[in-house]
Amino acid sequence: AAELAAAEGIQVESVIVDDDVAVQDSTWTAGRRGVGLTVLLEKVVGAAADQGRDLAACAELARRIVANGRSMGAALTSCTVPAVGKPTFDLPENEMELGVGIHGEPGRERLPLAPASDVARMLVEPILADLAFADDESAGGDGVICFVNGLGATPLIELYLMYGEIADLLTAAGVSIARSLVGPYI
């Protein structure tokens, strides 16, 4: 879309969102995927544009968000892309897919179902290992946005249960939560 717009003389900036720590250069990807950070970036940068920031400032803000955001997903069922009309992959009822993509692409590994505390640990540890989350002001840390998204199929009570487990892990790692977003955002 950016190339087509540029070909018509429209000034554009492209920013690649690559926050997913689950996979890199897999059968389904070239590099990292954009997953949870995508919607947050769109909302924050959209608000900046709405405030009147120019294209260069919005693109720089987007790049800063990408540099400081990480995510990882898990699925208990495969998604069904409407145009395809069937699940993307088969997932038995007693298994989960760790590191699933935003369009239902398979992830890092398939595992037996596990308690919420174990699932939270499997999601949070790779994120913490991938990016140093500094909380002290001298390092510029102001805490994180903890985004727990159910993609529409997970009951809210289960999302809040996961948030509680994730919040405990982040606190134990010395990472403060500045804001939480829990719900079916995408």
Protein backbone atom coordinates (compact mmCIF):
# COMPACT_ATOMS: atom_id res chain seq x y z
CA ALA A 1 0.00 0.00 0.00
CA ALA A 2 2.85 2.39 0.86
CA GLU A 3 4.54 1.71 -2.49
CA LEU A 4 1.30 2.31 -4.39
CA ALA A 5 0.67 5.55 -2.51
CA ALA A 6 4.27 6.71 -3.06
CA ALA A 7 3.90 5.94 -6.78
CA GLU A 8 0.98 8.39 -6.81
CA GLY A 9 3.11 11.11 -5.19
CA ILE A 10 1.75 10.68 -1.66
CA GLN A 11 4.37 11.09 1.06
CA VAL A 12 4.57 7.87 3.08
CA GLU A 13 6.66 6.27 5.83
CA SER A 14 6.78 2.53 6.48
CA VAL A 15 7.42 1.08 9.91
CA ILE A 16 7.61 -2.69 10.32
CA VAL A 17 6.17 -4.04 13.58
CA ASP A 18 8.22 -7.06 14.68
CA ASP A 19 7.42 -7.59 18.34
CA ASP A 20 6.73 -11.34 18.37
CA VAL A 21 9.44 -13.21 20.28
CA ALA A 22 7.96 -16.62 19.44
CA VAL A 23 9.37 -17.18 15.96
CA GLN A 24 11.84 -15.71 13.52
CA ASP A 25 12.28 -16.77 9.91
CA SER A 26 9.89 -19.73 10.11
CA THR A 27 7.87 -21.42 7.38
CA TRP A 28 5.19 -18.78 7.99
CA THR A 29 7.40 -15.70 8.46
CA ALA A 30 10.33 -13.72 7.10
CA GLY A 31 11.77 -12.17 10.23
CA ARG A 32 9.61 -11.57 13.25
CA ARG A 33 5.87 -11.06 13.05
CA GLY A 34 3.86 -8.14 14.28
CA VAL A 35 1.44 -9.45 16.90
CA GLY A 36 0.16 -7.73 20.06
CA LEU A 37 2.09 -4.51 19.58
CA THR A 38 0.42 -3.84 16.23
CA VAL A 39 -2.89 -2.63 17.65
CA LEU A 40 -1.22 -0.61 20.42
CA LEU A 41 1.06 1.12 17.92
CA GLU A 42 -1.85 1.91 15.63
CA LYS A 43 -3.82 3.45 18.50
CA VAL A 44 -0.93 5.49 19.95
CA VAL A 45 0.38 6.73 16.60
CA GLY A 46 -3.17 7.38 15.40
CA ALA A 47 -3.75 9.56 18.46
CA ALA A 48 -0.51 11.44 17.76
CA ALA A 49 -1.64 12.09 14.18
CA ASP A 50 -5.03 13.21 15.50
CA GLN A 51 -3.20 15.73 17.71
CA GLY A 52 -1.60 17.18 14.58
CA ARG A 53 1.87 15.61 14.64
CA ASP A 54 3.41 15.45 11.19
CA LEU A 55 4.31 12.27 9.32
CA ALA A 56 7.97 12.29 10.37
CA ALA A 57 7.06 12.65 14.06
CA CYS A 58 4.46 9.88 13.81
CA ALA A 59 6.93 7.56 12.08
CA GLU A 60 9.59 8.25 14.72
CA LEU A 61 7.07 7.54 17.49
CA ALA A 62 6.14 4.28 15.76
CA ARG A 63 9.82 3.27 15.55
CA ARG A 64 10.29 4.00 19.28
CA ILE A 65 7.25 1.86 20.11
CA VAL A 66 8.55 -1.02 17.96
CA ALA A 67 11.98 -0.81 19.60
CA ASN A 68 10.44 -1.07 23.07
CA GLY A 69 7.60 -3.58 22.61
CA ARG A 70 7.53 -7.36 22.71
CA SER A 71 4.76 -9.92 22.71
CA MET A 72 3.96 -13.60 22.52
CA GLY A 73 0.70 -15.48 22.10
CA ALA A 74 -0.87 -18.79 23.00
CA ALA A 75 -3.96 -20.48 21.58
CA LEU A 76 -6.26 -23.22 22.79
CA THR A 77 -7.95 -23.44 19.38
CA SER A 78 -6.98 -22.50 15.84
CA CYS A 79 -8.59 -19.44 14.35
CA THR A 80 -10.77 -19.59 11.27
CA VAL A 81 -9.95 -16.89 8.74
CA PRO A 82 -13.35 -15.87 7.24
CA ALA A 83 -12.16 -16.07 3.63
CA VAL A 84 -10.92 -19.65 4.17
CA GLY A 85 -13.85 -20.89 6.26
CA LYS A 86 -11.96 -23.58 8.16
CA PRO A 87 -9.41 -23.66 11.00
CA THR A 88 -5.84 -22.77 9.98
CA PHE A 89 -4.45 -25.86 11.73
CA ASP A 90 -5.71 -28.81 13.77
CA LEU A 91 -5.29 -28.54 17.53
CA PRO A 92 -6.55 -31.37 19.76
CA GLU A 93 -8.65 -30.36 22.79
CA ASN A 94 -5.93 -31.36 25.27
CA GLU A 95 -3.19 -29.27 23.62
CA MET A 96 -2.26 -25.61 23.17
CA GLU A 97 -0.17 -23.78 20.59
CA LEU A 98 2.52 -21.59 22.15
CA GLY A 99 3.61 -18.58 20.12
CA VAL A 100 0.66 -18.49 17.71
CA GLY A 101 0.52 -15.64 15.17
CA ILE A 102 -2.13 -12.95 14.95
CA HIS A 103 -3.74 -14.64 11.94
CA GLY A 104 -3.62 -18.06 13.52
CA GLU A 105 -0.26 -19.17 12.20
CA PRO A 106 1.24 -22.01 14.20
CA GLY A 107 3.79 -20.96 16.75
CA ARG A 108 6.90 -22.11 18.51
CA GLU A 109 5.63 -25.43 19.84
CA ARG A 110 2.58 -27.48 20.67
CA LEU A 111 2.24 -28.53 24.29
CA PRO A 112 -0.24 -30.27 26.58
CA LEU A 113 -2.67 -27.91 28.30
CA ALA A 114 -1.11 -26.41 31.42
CA PRO A 115 -2.21 -24.33 34.42
CA ALA A 116 -2.46 -20.57 33.88
CA SER A 117 0.65 -19.94 35.99
CA ASP A 118 2.71 -22.22 33.71
CA VAL A 119 1.29 -20.68 30.52
CA ALA A 120 2.03 -17.17 31.83
CA ARG A 121 5.62 -18.18 32.59
CA MET A 122 6.04 -19.68 29.09
CA LEU A 123 4.85 -16.38 27.59
CA VAL A 124 6.62 -13.91 29.85
CA GLU A 125 10.08 -15.48 30.19
CA PRO A 126 10.95 -15.20 26.45
CA ILE A 127 9.75 -11.59 26.43
CA LEU A 128 11.89 -10.67 29.44
CA ALA A 129 14.88 -12.49 27.92
CA ASP A 130 14.53 -10.57 24.64
CA LEU A 131 14.41 -6.97 25.91
CA ALA A 132 15.81 -5.29 29.00
CA PHE A 133 12.88 -3.62 30.71
CA ALA A 134 14.43 -0.89 32.87
CA ASP A 135 12.24 0.69 35.52
CA ASP A 136 14.60 3.23 37.08
CA GLU A 137 14.17 6.78 35.81
CA SER A 138 17.85 7.17 34.91
CA ALA A 139 17.37 4.44 32.29
CA GLY A 140 14.18 6.07 31.04
CA GLY A 141 11.88 3.34 32.30
CA ASP A 142 8.34 4.28 33.22
CA GLY A 143 6.88 0.81 33.47
CA VAL A 144 5.15 -1.23 30.79
CA ILE A 145 1.74 -1.59 29.23
CA CYS A 146 0.63 -5.12 29.98
CA PHE A 147 -1.68 -6.09 27.11
CA VAL A 148 -3.64 -9.34 27.51
CA ASN A 149 -5.76 -9.85 24.42
CA GLY A 150 -8.21 -12.69 23.89
CA LEU A 151 -8.83 -12.22 20.15
CA GLY A 152 -12.54 -12.49 20.89
CA ALA A 153 -12.78 -16.14 21.96
CA THR A 154 -11.48 -16.13 25.53
CA PRO A 155 -13.87 -15.27 28.38
CA LEU A 156 -12.92 -12.08 30.21
CA ILE A 157 -12.57 -13.88 33.55
CA GLU A 158 -9.88 -16.12 32.01
CA LEU A 159 -8.07 -13.10 30.57
CA TYR A 160 -8.01 -11.45 34.00
CA LEU A 161 -6.74 -14.67 35.55
CA MET A 162 -3.86 -14.63 33.02
CA TYR A 163 -3.25 -10.95 33.73
CA GLY A 164 -2.86 -11.72 37.44
CA GLU A 165 -0.30 -14.43 36.71
CA ILE A 166 1.60 -12.19 34.28
CA ALA A 167 1.55 -9.26 36.70
CA ASP A 168 3.07 -11.46 39.41
CA LEU A 169 5.86 -12.56 37.05
CA LEU A 170 6.61 -9.00 35.94
CA THR A 171 6.68 -7.76 39.53
CA ALA A 172 9.06 -10.57 40.51
CA ALA A 173 11.31 -9.53 37.58
CA GLY A 174 11.33 -5.90 38.78
CA VAL A 175 9.11 -4.63 35.96
CA SER A 176 6.33 -2.26 36.97
CA ILE A 177 3.04 -2.07 35.08
CA ALA A 178 2.12 1.50 34.17
CA ARG A 179 -1.12 0.46 32.48
CA SER A 180 -3.00 -2.76 31.81
CA LEU A 181 -5.27 -3.51 28.88
CA VAL A 182 -7.22 -6.74 29.26
CA GLY A 183 -9.95 -7.81 26.83
CA PRO A 184 -10.84 -8.76 23.26
CA TYR A 185 -9.04 -5.88 21.52
CA ILE A 186 -8.45 -7.51 18.13
